[in-house]
Amino acid sequence: MKKMLLILALSVFGFANAQKGTVLVGGNIGYTSTNREFQTGKDKISQFDFSPRVGYQFNDNWTVGGEFLIGSSKSEVEGAGESKSNDFKAGAFLRYSVPLSETFAVFADLGAGFQNQKNTVYSALGDNESKADGIYASITPALFINMKKGFGLNFSIGGLGYETLSFDNNGADVNSFYFNFGKTVNIGISKNF
């Protein structure tokens, strides 16, 4: 797979990377489904998220814009019920890009904003719902491959971030810090107009 991506990247002859005064539109979409079987039963977890972004490149290296994420997950445990979670994030990002050639560029995105989450647990004892609000901040280094006419692929292998969630009704306050270089792989699509 890695060799195939490298061959593809090397065989592409693109136009120059994004230029000052252009609009960047891009994002990621993801889906995960996990089925596990235990001696006592089985469970199924599915997750979907969509995270578009739009920015304005005001300098040959700098882009500023808005981003948001809509996510949903569902967990079903045989004999114990199910739970659902809906996530929403909205914020801004700042990108610094360094072109390496007409085809390749490296960039780092700094993003920050507001987030909320709604969890619902359905069981024989009744439904339980909780809501949380918080903030997030992250920095993600990535590689851009210019495919043709401003269309490109974005590759990242993790990042650094901090998130908070404060649940209502005397619920928990959650603070998360992550450093996950090499543990995740994200591939996104972008277009400069």
N, C-alpha and C. Protein backbone atom coordinates (compact mmCIF):
# COMPACT_ATOMS: atom_id res chain seq x y z
N MET A 1 0.82 -1.19 0.00
CA MET A 1 0.00 0.00 0.00
C MET A 1 0.87 1.25 0.00
N LYS A 2 1.92 1.27 0.85
CA LYS A 2 2.80 2.43 0.92
C LYS A 2 3.51 2.64 -0.41
N LYS A 3 3.95 1.54 -1.04
CA LYS A 3 4.63 1.66 -2.33
C LYS A 3 3.67 2.21 -3.39
N MET A 4 2.43 1.75 -3.35
CA MET A 4 1.43 2.21 -4.31
C MET A 4 1.20 3.72 -4.16
N LEU A 5 1.09 4.19 -2.91
CA LEU A 5 0.89 5.63 -2.69
C LEU A 5 2.11 6.43 -3.15
N LEU A 6 3.30 5.90 -2.90
CA LEU A 6 4.51 6.59 -3.34
C LEU A 6 4.59 6.66 -4.86
N ILE A 7 4.28 5.55 -5.53
CA ILE A 7 4.30 5.53 -7.00
C ILE A 7 3.26 6.51 -7.55
N LEU A 8 2.08 6.50 -6.96
CA LEU A 8 1.03 7.44 -7.37
C LEU A 8 1.49 8.88 -7.19
N ALA A 9 2.06 9.16 -6.04
CA ALA A 9 2.51 10.52 -5.76
C ALA A 9 3.61 10.97 -6.71
N LEU A 10 4.54 10.09 -7.01
CA LEU A 10 5.65 10.44 -7.88
C LEU A 10 5.23 10.56 -9.35
N SER A 11 4.16 9.88 -9.72
CA SER A 11 3.72 9.91 -11.11
C SER A 11 2.80 11.08 -11.44
N VAL A 12 2.37 11.79 -10.43
CA VAL A 12 1.43 12.90 -10.64
C VAL A 12 2.20 14.17 -10.99
N PHE A 13 1.78 14.82 -12.05
CA PHE A 13 2.34 16.12 -12.40
C PHE A 13 1.26 17.15 -12.18
N GLY A 14 1.37 17.88 -11.10
CA GLY A 14 0.34 18.83 -10.73
C GLY A 14 0.74 20.24 -11.06
N PHE A 15 -0.18 21.11 -10.80
CA PHE A 15 0.09 22.53 -10.95
C PHE A 15 0.65 23.06 -9.64
N ALA A 16 1.02 24.32 -9.62
CA ALA A 16 1.59 24.90 -8.41
C ALA A 16 0.62 24.78 -7.24
N ASN A 17 1.18 24.75 -6.05
CA ASN A 17 0.38 24.65 -4.84
C ASN A 17 -0.51 25.89 -4.72
N ALA A 18 -1.41 25.86 -3.75
CA ALA A 18 -2.34 26.96 -3.54
C ALA A 18 -1.62 28.29 -3.46
N GLN A 19 -2.28 29.34 -3.95
CA GLN A 19 -1.67 30.66 -3.99
C GLN A 19 -2.50 31.65 -3.21
N LYS A 20 -1.88 32.78 -2.91
CA LYS A 20 -2.53 33.86 -2.18
C LYS A 20 -3.85 34.24 -2.85
N GLY A 21 -4.88 34.47 -2.02
CA GLY A 21 -6.18 34.90 -2.53
C GLY A 21 -7.09 33.76 -2.94
N THR A 22 -6.75 32.51 -2.61
CA THR A 22 -7.61 31.38 -2.98
C THR A 22 -8.43 30.92 -1.77
N VAL A 23 -9.50 30.21 -2.05
CA VAL A 23 -10.36 29.65 -1.03
C VAL A 23 -10.10 28.14 -0.96
N LEU A 24 -9.87 27.64 0.24
CA LEU A 24 -9.61 26.22 0.48
C LEU A 24 -10.88 25.56 1.00
N VAL A 25 -11.30 24.47 0.37
CA VAL A 25 -12.45 23.68 0.83
C VAL A 25 -11.95 22.25 0.97
N GLY A 26 -12.21 21.64 2.11
CA GLY A 26 -11.73 20.28 2.30
C GLY A 26 -12.37 19.63 3.51
N GLY A 27 -11.89 18.43 3.82
CA GLY A 27 -12.40 17.76 5.00
C GLY A 27 -12.16 16.27 4.97
N ASN A 28 -12.68 15.62 5.99
CA ASN A 28 -12.57 14.18 6.17
C ASN A 28 -13.93 13.59 6.46
N ILE A 29 -14.06 12.32 6.14
CA ILE A 29 -15.25 11.56 6.49
C ILE A 29 -14.78 10.20 6.96
N GLY A 30 -15.38 9.68 8.01
CA GLY A 30 -14.92 8.41 8.54
C GLY A 30 -16.05 7.55 9.06
N TYR A 31 -15.84 6.24 8.99
CA TYR A 31 -16.80 5.27 9.52
C TYR A 31 -16.03 4.10 10.10
N THR A 32 -16.42 3.66 11.28
CA THR A 32 -15.81 2.52 11.94
C THR A 32 -16.91 1.60 12.44
N SER A 33 -16.73 0.30 12.26
CA SER A 33 -17.67 -0.69 12.78
C SER A 33 -16.87 -1.82 13.42
N THR A 34 -17.20 -2.15 14.67
CA THR A 34 -16.50 -3.20 15.41
C THR A 34 -17.52 -4.17 15.98
N ASN A 35 -17.30 -5.45 15.74
CA ASN A 35 -18.11 -6.53 16.32
C ASN A 35 -17.20 -7.39 17.19
N ARG A 36 -17.60 -7.60 18.45
CA ARG A 36 -16.82 -8.43 19.36
C ARG A 36 -17.70 -9.51 19.95
N GLU A 37 -17.13 -10.71 20.09
CA GLU A 37 -17.83 -11.82 20.70
C GLU A 37 -17.10 -12.27 21.95
N PHE A 38 -17.85 -12.41 23.02
CA PHE A 38 -17.33 -12.88 24.30
C PHE A 38 -18.05 -14.16 24.67
N GLN A 39 -17.60 -14.83 25.72
CA GLN A 39 -18.31 -16.03 26.19
C GLN A 39 -19.68 -15.68 26.73
N THR A 40 -19.82 -14.45 27.23
CA THR A 40 -21.09 -14.03 27.83
C THR A 40 -22.01 -13.32 26.84
N GLY A 41 -21.56 -13.09 25.62
CA GLY A 41 -22.39 -12.40 24.65
C GLY A 41 -21.55 -11.69 23.61
N LYS A 42 -22.16 -10.74 22.93
CA LYS A 42 -21.43 -9.98 21.92
C LYS A 42 -21.88 -8.52 21.93
N ASP A 43 -21.04 -7.68 21.36
CA ASP A 43 -21.41 -6.28 21.24
C ASP A 43 -21.00 -5.75 19.87
N LYS A 44 -21.62 -4.64 19.50
CA LYS A 44 -21.36 -4.00 18.21
C LYS A 44 -21.23 -2.50 18.44
N ILE A 45 -20.16 -1.93 17.90
CA ILE A 45 -19.93 -0.49 18.02
C ILE A 45 -19.76 0.08 16.62
N SER A 46 -20.49 1.13 16.31
CA SER A 46 -20.34 1.80 15.02
C SER A 46 -20.20 3.29 15.26
N GLN A 47 -19.35 3.92 14.43
CA GLN A 47 -19.09 5.34 14.59
C GLN A 47 -18.95 5.98 13.22
N PHE A 48 -19.54 7.17 13.08
CA PHE A 48 -19.48 7.94 11.84
C PHE A 48 -19.11 9.38 12.19
N ASP A 49 -18.22 9.99 11.40
CA ASP A 49 -17.96 11.42 11.58
C ASP A 49 -17.64 12.08 10.24
N PHE A 50 -18.00 13.35 10.19
CA PHE A 50 -17.83 14.18 9.00
C PHE A 50 -17.28 15.51 9.46
N SER A 51 -16.14 15.93 8.90
CA SER A 51 -15.49 17.16 9.36
C SER A 51 -15.02 18.02 8.20
N PRO A 52 -15.90 18.86 7.66
CA PRO A 52 -15.50 19.78 6.59
C PRO A 52 -14.84 21.04 7.14
N ARG A 53 -14.13 21.75 6.25
CA ARG A 53 -13.52 23.02 6.62
C ARG A 53 -13.43 23.91 5.38
N VAL A 54 -13.49 25.21 5.63
CA VAL A 54 -13.38 26.21 4.57
C VAL A 54 -12.44 27.29 5.07
N GLY A 55 -11.48 27.69 4.21
CA GLY A 55 -10.52 28.71 4.63
C GLY A 55 -10.15 29.64 3.49
N TYR A 56 -9.50 30.72 3.84
CA TYR A 56 -9.04 31.70 2.88
C TYR A 56 -7.53 31.82 3.00
N GLN A 57 -6.81 31.63 1.88
CA GLN A 57 -5.36 31.73 1.89
C GLN A 57 -4.98 33.19 1.63
N PHE A 58 -4.67 33.91 2.72
CA PHE A 58 -4.39 35.34 2.62
C PHE A 58 -2.92 35.63 2.33
N ASN A 59 -2.08 34.62 2.32
CA ASN A 59 -0.66 34.75 2.07
C ASN A 59 -0.24 33.46 1.37
N ASP A 60 0.92 33.43 0.72
CA ASP A 60 1.35 32.20 0.05
C ASP A 60 1.53 31.04 1.01
N ASN A 61 1.72 31.31 2.30
CA ASN A 61 1.94 30.25 3.27
C ASN A 61 0.84 30.13 4.32
N TRP A 62 -0.01 31.13 4.50
CA TRP A 62 -0.96 31.15 5.60
C TRP A 62 -2.41 31.07 5.10
N THR A 63 -3.19 30.22 5.79
CA THR A 63 -4.62 30.08 5.52
C THR A 63 -5.35 30.16 6.85
N VAL A 64 -6.48 30.85 6.88
CA VAL A 64 -7.31 30.92 8.08
C VAL A 64 -8.73 30.54 7.66
N GLY A 65 -9.44 29.85 8.56
CA GLY A 65 -10.79 29.44 8.19
C GLY A 65 -11.58 28.84 9.33
N GLY A 66 -12.72 28.27 8.97
CA GLY A 66 -13.62 27.65 9.93
C GLY A 66 -13.69 26.15 9.71
N GLU A 67 -13.95 25.43 10.79
CA GLU A 67 -14.05 23.97 10.72
C GLU A 67 -15.18 23.52 11.63
N PHE A 68 -15.77 22.40 11.30
CA PHE A 68 -16.72 21.79 12.23
C PHE A 68 -16.72 20.29 12.04
N LEU A 69 -17.24 19.60 13.03
CA LEU A 69 -17.32 18.14 13.01
C LEU A 69 -18.69 17.72 13.50
N ILE A 70 -19.28 16.77 12.81
CA ILE A 70 -20.52 16.14 13.25
C ILE A 70 -20.20 14.66 13.36
N GLY A 71 -20.44 14.10 14.54
CA GLY A 71 -20.13 12.69 14.76
C GLY A 71 -21.27 11.99 15.48
N SER A 72 -21.37 10.70 15.24
CA SER A 72 -22.40 9.89 15.88
C SER A 72 -21.83 8.50 16.13
N SER A 73 -22.10 7.95 17.29
CA SER A 73 -21.66 6.59 17.57
C SER A 73 -22.79 5.84 18.29
N LYS A 74 -22.78 4.53 18.10
CA LYS A 74 -23.80 3.67 18.69
C LYS A 74 -23.13 2.41 19.18
N SER A 75 -23.46 2.01 20.39
CA SER A 75 -22.90 0.80 20.98
C SER A 75 -24.05 -0.08 21.45
N GLU A 76 -24.07 -1.34 21.01
CA GLU A 76 -25.10 -2.29 21.41
C GLU A 76 -24.43 -3.45 22.11
N VAL A 77 -24.82 -3.71 23.36
CA VAL A 77 -24.29 -4.83 24.13
C VAL A 77 -25.43 -5.81 24.34
N GLU A 78 -25.23 -7.05 23.89
CA GLU A 78 -26.26 -8.07 23.98
C GLU A 78 -26.67 -8.29 25.44
N GLY A 79 -27.95 -8.12 25.72
CA GLY A 79 -28.49 -8.33 27.05
C GLY A 79 -28.35 -7.15 28.00
N ALA A 80 -27.61 -6.10 27.59
CA ALA A 80 -27.41 -4.97 28.50
C ALA A 80 -27.99 -3.66 27.96
N GLY A 81 -28.42 -3.62 26.71
CA GLY A 81 -28.98 -2.41 26.15
C GLY A 81 -28.04 -1.76 25.14
N GLU A 82 -28.32 -0.50 24.86
CA GLU A 82 -27.50 0.21 23.89
C GLU A 82 -27.29 1.65 24.35
N SER A 83 -26.27 2.28 23.75
CA SER A 83 -26.00 3.69 24.03
C SER A 83 -25.71 4.40 22.72
N LYS A 84 -26.06 5.67 22.68
CA LYS A 84 -25.80 6.52 21.51
C LYS A 84 -25.12 7.79 21.97
N SER A 85 -24.25 8.29 21.10
CA SER A 85 -23.55 9.54 21.40
C SER A 85 -23.54 10.39 20.14
N ASN A 86 -23.85 11.68 20.28
CA ASN A 86 -23.78 12.64 19.19
C ASN A 86 -22.79 13.73 19.57
N ASP A 87 -21.84 14.00 18.68
CA ASP A 87 -20.80 14.99 18.92
C ASP A 87 -20.90 16.12 17.91
N PHE A 88 -20.56 17.32 18.36
CA PHE A 88 -20.52 18.47 17.48
C PHE A 88 -19.35 19.36 17.90
N LYS A 89 -18.56 19.80 16.92
CA LYS A 89 -17.47 20.74 17.17
C LYS A 89 -17.55 21.85 16.13
N ALA A 90 -17.29 23.07 16.55
CA ALA A 90 -17.24 24.21 15.63
C ALA A 90 -16.13 25.13 16.11
N GLY A 91 -15.28 25.54 15.17
CA GLY A 91 -14.17 26.39 15.55
C GLY A 91 -13.46 26.99 14.35
N ALA A 92 -12.25 27.43 14.59
CA ALA A 92 -11.43 28.06 13.56
C ALA A 92 -10.10 27.33 13.47
N PHE A 93 -9.44 27.49 12.31
CA PHE A 93 -8.12 26.90 12.15
C PHE A 93 -7.19 27.89 11.46
N LEU A 94 -5.91 27.71 11.71
CA LEU A 94 -4.85 28.49 11.08
C LEU A 94 -3.87 27.47 10.51
N ARG A 95 -3.55 27.59 9.23
CA ARG A 95 -2.66 26.65 8.55
C ARG A 95 -1.43 27.38 8.04
N TYR A 96 -0.27 26.78 8.29
CA TYR A 96 0.98 27.26 7.72
C TYR A 96 1.50 26.19 6.77
N SER A 97 1.69 26.53 5.49
CA SER A 97 2.12 25.58 4.46
C SER A 97 3.49 25.95 3.94
N VAL A 98 4.28 24.92 3.65
CA VAL A 98 5.59 25.11 3.03
C VAL A 98 5.65 24.21 1.80
N PRO A 99 5.64 24.80 0.58
CA PRO A 99 5.73 23.97 -0.63
C PRO A 99 7.13 23.35 -0.75
N LEU A 100 7.16 22.06 -1.05
CA LEU A 100 8.42 21.36 -1.28
C LEU A 100 8.72 21.25 -2.77
N SER A 101 7.66 21.20 -3.58
CA SER A 101 7.77 21.14 -5.05
C SER A 101 6.40 21.54 -5.59
N GLU A 102 6.20 21.40 -6.90
CA GLU A 102 4.89 21.69 -7.48
C GLU A 102 3.85 20.67 -7.03
N THR A 103 4.29 19.50 -6.62
CA THR A 103 3.37 18.43 -6.25
C THR A 103 3.19 18.29 -4.75
N PHE A 104 4.24 18.51 -3.96
CA PHE A 104 4.21 18.25 -2.53
C PHE A 104 4.33 19.52 -1.71
N ALA A 105 3.66 19.51 -0.56
CA ALA A 105 3.80 20.57 0.44
C ALA A 105 3.58 19.94 1.81
N VAL A 106 4.20 20.51 2.82
CA VAL A 106 3.91 20.11 4.20
C VAL A 106 3.19 21.28 4.86
N PHE A 107 2.33 20.95 5.80
CA PHE A 107 1.61 22.01 6.51
C PHE A 107 1.30 21.57 7.93
N ALA A 108 0.99 22.55 8.76
CA ALA A 108 0.54 22.29 10.12
C ALA A 108 -0.73 23.10 10.34
N ASP A 109 -1.74 22.44 10.90
CA ASP A 109 -3.01 23.09 11.23
C ASP A 109 -3.11 23.27 12.73
N LEU A 110 -3.44 24.47 13.15
CA LEU A 110 -3.75 24.77 14.55
C LEU A 110 -5.23 25.07 14.59
N GLY A 111 -5.99 24.25 15.32
CA GLY A 111 -7.44 24.43 15.40
C GLY A 111 -7.90 24.58 16.83
N ALA A 112 -8.96 25.36 17.04
CA ALA A 112 -9.52 25.55 18.38
C ALA A 112 -10.98 25.93 18.24
N GLY A 113 -11.78 25.54 19.24
CA GLY A 113 -13.18 25.90 19.19
C GLY A 113 -14.00 25.31 20.31
N PHE A 114 -15.30 25.29 20.09
CA PHE A 114 -16.31 24.84 21.04
C PHE A 114 -16.75 23.44 20.65
N GLN A 115 -17.12 22.62 21.63
CA GLN A 115 -17.66 21.29 21.35
C GLN A 115 -18.77 20.95 22.33
N ASN A 116 -19.68 20.10 21.88
CA ASN A 116 -20.66 19.55 22.80
C ASN A 116 -20.93 18.10 22.46
N GLN A 117 -21.48 17.40 23.42
CA GLN A 117 -21.73 15.97 23.28
C GLN A 117 -23.03 15.63 24.00
N LYS A 118 -23.80 14.73 23.39
CA LYS A 118 -25.04 14.24 24.01
C LYS A 118 -24.98 12.72 24.02
N ASN A 119 -25.10 12.13 25.20
CA ASN A 119 -25.07 10.68 25.35
C ASN A 119 -26.41 10.19 25.88
N THR A 120 -26.89 9.09 25.32
CA THR A 120 -28.13 8.47 25.79
C THR A 120 -27.87 6.98 25.97
N VAL A 121 -28.21 6.47 27.15
CA VAL A 121 -28.08 5.05 27.45
C VAL A 121 -29.48 4.48 27.60
N TYR A 122 -29.79 3.47 26.79
CA TYR A 122 -31.09 2.80 26.83
C TYR A 122 -30.90 1.45 27.52
N SER A 123 -31.67 1.20 28.59
CA SER A 123 -31.57 -0.09 29.29
C SER A 123 -32.93 -0.47 29.84
N ALA A 124 -33.02 -1.66 30.40
CA ALA A 124 -34.27 -2.14 30.98
C ALA A 124 -34.68 -1.30 32.19
N LEU A 125 -33.72 -0.65 32.83
CA LEU A 125 -34.01 0.18 34.00
C LEU A 125 -34.48 1.58 33.64
N GLY A 126 -34.44 1.92 32.35
CA GLY A 126 -34.87 3.24 31.89
C GLY A 126 -33.77 3.92 31.11
N ASP A 127 -34.14 5.02 30.49
CA ASP A 127 -33.19 5.77 29.68
C ASP A 127 -32.47 6.80 30.54
N ASN A 128 -31.19 7.01 30.24
CA ASN A 128 -30.39 7.99 30.95
C ASN A 128 -29.71 8.88 29.91
N GLU A 129 -29.91 10.20 30.02
CA GLU A 129 -29.35 11.13 29.05
C GLU A 129 -28.43 12.13 29.75
N SER A 130 -27.30 12.41 29.10
CA SER A 130 -26.38 13.42 29.63
C SER A 130 -25.87 14.29 28.49
N LYS A 131 -25.60 15.55 28.81
CA LYS A 131 -25.09 16.51 27.83
C LYS A 131 -23.85 17.18 28.40
N ALA A 132 -22.94 17.54 27.51
CA ALA A 132 -21.70 18.19 27.94
C ALA A 132 -21.30 19.26 26.95
N ASP A 133 -20.65 20.30 27.45
CA ASP A 133 -20.07 21.37 26.64
C ASP A 133 -18.60 21.51 27.01
N GLY A 134 -17.82 22.01 26.07
CA GLY A 134 -16.41 22.21 26.35
C GLY A 134 -15.69 22.89 25.21
N ILE A 135 -14.36 22.84 25.26
CA ILE A 135 -13.52 23.44 24.24
C ILE A 135 -12.51 22.41 23.75
N TYR A 136 -11.87 22.71 22.63
CA TYR A 136 -10.81 21.85 22.12
C TYR A 136 -9.74 22.71 21.45
N ALA A 137 -8.54 22.17 21.40
CA ALA A 137 -7.43 22.80 20.69
C ALA A 137 -6.52 21.68 20.20
N SER A 138 -6.00 21.81 18.98
CA SER A 138 -5.15 20.75 18.43
C SER A 138 -4.17 21.33 17.42
N ILE A 139 -3.08 20.61 17.24
CA ILE A 139 -2.13 20.93 16.18
C ILE A 139 -1.83 19.63 15.45
N THR A 140 -1.92 19.70 14.11
CA THR A 140 -1.76 18.51 13.29
C THR A 140 -0.83 18.80 12.12
N PRO A 141 0.34 18.16 12.07
CA PRO A 141 1.20 18.27 10.89
C PRO A 141 0.72 17.31 9.81
N ALA A 142 0.90 17.66 8.54
CA ALA A 142 0.39 16.81 7.45
C ALA A 142 1.17 17.05 6.16
N LEU A 143 0.93 16.18 5.20
CA LEU A 143 1.52 16.25 3.87
C LEU A 143 0.41 16.49 2.87
N PHE A 144 0.62 17.42 1.93
CA PHE A 144 -0.34 17.71 0.87
C PHE A 144 0.25 17.23 -0.45
N ILE A 145 -0.55 16.49 -1.21
CA ILE A 145 -0.15 16.06 -2.56
C ILE A 145 -1.11 16.70 -3.54
N ASN A 146 -0.59 17.59 -4.39
CA ASN A 146 -1.38 18.30 -5.39
C ASN A 146 -1.64 17.35 -6.55
N MET A 147 -2.90 16.97 -6.74
CA MET A 147 -3.24 16.00 -7.79
C MET A 147 -3.36 16.69 -9.15
N LYS A 148 -4.18 17.72 -9.24
CA LYS A 148 -4.36 18.45 -10.49
C LYS A 148 -5.37 19.56 -10.28
N LYS A 149 -5.09 20.73 -10.82
CA LYS A 149 -6.00 21.87 -10.79
C LYS A 149 -6.49 22.21 -9.38
N GLY A 150 -5.59 22.19 -8.41
CA GLY A 150 -5.94 22.57 -7.05
C GLY A 150 -6.53 21.47 -6.21
N PHE A 151 -6.87 20.30 -6.79
CA PHE A 151 -7.34 19.17 -6.00
C PHE A 151 -6.15 18.51 -5.34
N GLY A 152 -6.31 18.13 -4.08
CA GLY A 152 -5.19 17.51 -3.40
C GLY A 152 -5.64 16.51 -2.34
N LEU A 153 -4.69 15.66 -1.97
CA LEU A 153 -4.88 14.72 -0.88
C LEU A 153 -4.06 15.20 0.31
N ASN A 154 -4.62 15.11 1.49
CA ASN A 154 -3.94 15.49 2.72
C ASN A 154 -3.73 14.24 3.57
N PHE A 155 -2.50 14.00 4.00
CA PHE A 155 -2.16 12.84 4.81
C PHE A 155 -1.59 13.30 6.15
N SER A 156 -2.15 12.78 7.24
CA SER A 156 -1.58 13.06 8.56
C SER A 156 -1.51 11.77 9.35
N ILE A 157 -0.57 11.72 10.28
CA ILE A 157 -0.40 10.51 11.08
C ILE A 157 -0.49 10.82 12.58
N GLY A 158 -1.37 11.70 12.93
CA GLY A 158 -1.58 12.02 14.33
C GLY A 158 -1.38 13.48 14.62
N GLY A 159 -1.37 13.80 15.90
CA GLY A 159 -1.21 15.18 16.30
C GLY A 159 -1.14 15.32 17.80
N LEU A 160 -1.35 16.55 18.23
CA LEU A 160 -1.27 16.91 19.64
C LEU A 160 -2.52 17.72 19.95
N GLY A 161 -3.19 17.42 21.07
CA GLY A 161 -4.41 18.16 21.35
C GLY A 161 -4.84 18.13 22.80
N TYR A 162 -5.81 18.99 23.10
CA TYR A 162 -6.38 19.11 24.44
C TYR A 162 -7.88 19.37 24.29
N GLU A 163 -8.68 18.68 25.11
CA GLU A 163 -10.14 18.84 25.07
C GLU A 163 -10.70 18.87 26.48
N THR A 164 -11.79 19.61 26.65
CA THR A 164 -12.53 19.59 27.92
C THR A 164 -14.00 19.35 27.62
N LEU A 165 -14.66 18.65 28.51
CA LEU A 165 -16.10 18.46 28.47
C LEU A 165 -16.62 18.55 29.90
N SER A 166 -17.64 19.35 30.12
CA SER A 166 -18.25 19.49 31.43
C SER A 166 -19.70 19.02 31.32
N PHE A 167 -20.02 17.90 31.96
CA PHE A 167 -21.35 17.31 31.87
C PHE A 167 -22.31 18.00 32.83
N ASP A 168 -23.58 18.11 32.40
CA ASP A 168 -24.59 18.75 33.23
C ASP A 168 -25.07 17.81 34.33
N ASN A 169 -25.96 18.30 35.16
CA ASN A 169 -26.56 17.53 36.25
C ASN A 169 -25.52 16.92 37.18
N ASN A 170 -24.53 17.73 37.57
CA ASN A 170 -23.46 17.28 38.46
C ASN A 170 -22.67 16.10 37.91
N GLY A 171 -22.58 16.04 36.60
CA GLY A 171 -21.82 14.98 35.95
C GLY A 171 -20.32 15.26 36.01
N ALA A 172 -19.57 14.41 35.38
CA ALA A 172 -18.12 14.49 35.41
C ALA A 172 -17.61 15.66 34.58
N ASP A 173 -16.46 16.19 34.97
CA ASP A 173 -15.70 17.13 34.16
C ASP A 173 -14.53 16.35 33.57
N VAL A 174 -14.43 16.35 32.24
CA VAL A 174 -13.43 15.55 31.55
C VAL A 174 -12.41 16.47 30.89
N ASN A 175 -11.13 16.24 31.17
CA ASN A 175 -10.04 16.95 30.52
C ASN A 175 -9.17 15.89 29.85
N SER A 176 -8.95 16.03 28.55
CA SER A 176 -8.16 15.04 27.80
C SER A 176 -6.99 15.72 27.11
N PHE A 177 -5.84 15.10 27.21
CA PHE A 177 -4.66 15.52 26.48
C PHE A 177 -4.22 14.33 25.64
N TYR A 178 -3.93 14.54 24.36
CA TYR A 178 -3.46 13.41 23.54
C TYR A 178 -2.26 13.80 22.70
N PHE A 179 -1.41 12.82 22.50
CA PHE A 179 -0.22 12.90 21.68
C PHE A 179 -0.19 11.57 20.93
N ASN A 180 -0.68 11.55 19.69
CA ASN A 180 -0.89 10.27 19.02
C ASN A 180 -0.18 10.16 17.67
N PHE A 181 1.05 10.62 17.59
CA PHE A 181 1.81 10.49 16.35
C PHE A 181 2.05 9.02 16.04
N GLY A 182 1.74 8.61 14.83
CA GLY A 182 1.95 7.23 14.40
C GLY A 182 0.85 6.28 14.80
N LYS A 183 -0.14 6.71 15.60
CA LYS A 183 -1.22 5.82 16.02
C LYS A 183 -2.46 5.96 15.16
N THR A 184 -2.59 7.06 14.46
CA THR A 184 -3.74 7.28 13.60
C THR A 184 -3.26 7.70 12.22
N VAL A 185 -4.07 7.40 11.22
CA VAL A 185 -3.80 7.82 9.85
C VAL A 185 -5.08 8.47 9.33
N ASN A 186 -4.96 9.69 8.85
CA ASN A 186 -6.10 10.39 8.27
C ASN A 186 -5.75 10.80 6.84
N ILE A 187 -6.69 10.56 5.94
CA ILE A 187 -6.56 10.97 4.55
C ILE A 187 -7.75 11.86 4.23
N GLY A 188 -7.48 13.06 3.79
CA GLY A 188 -8.55 13.99 3.45
C GLY A 188 -8.38 14.52 2.05
N ILE A 189 -9.40 15.19 1.56
CA ILE A 189 -9.41 15.77 0.22
C ILE A 189 -9.59 17.27 0.37
N SER A 190 -8.88 18.04 -0.48
CA SER A 190 -9.08 19.48 -0.45
C SER A 190 -9.04 20.03 -1.86
N LYS A 191 -9.59 21.22 -2.04
CA LYS A 191 -9.64 21.89 -3.33
C LYS A 191 -9.44 23.38 -3.09
N ASN A 192 -8.53 23.99 -3.85
CA ASN A 192 -8.35 25.42 -3.80
C ASN A 192 -9.03 26.06 -5.01
N PHE A 193 -9.83 27.10 -4.74
CA PHE A 193 -10.53 27.83 -5.80
C PHE A 193 -9.90 29.18 -5.98
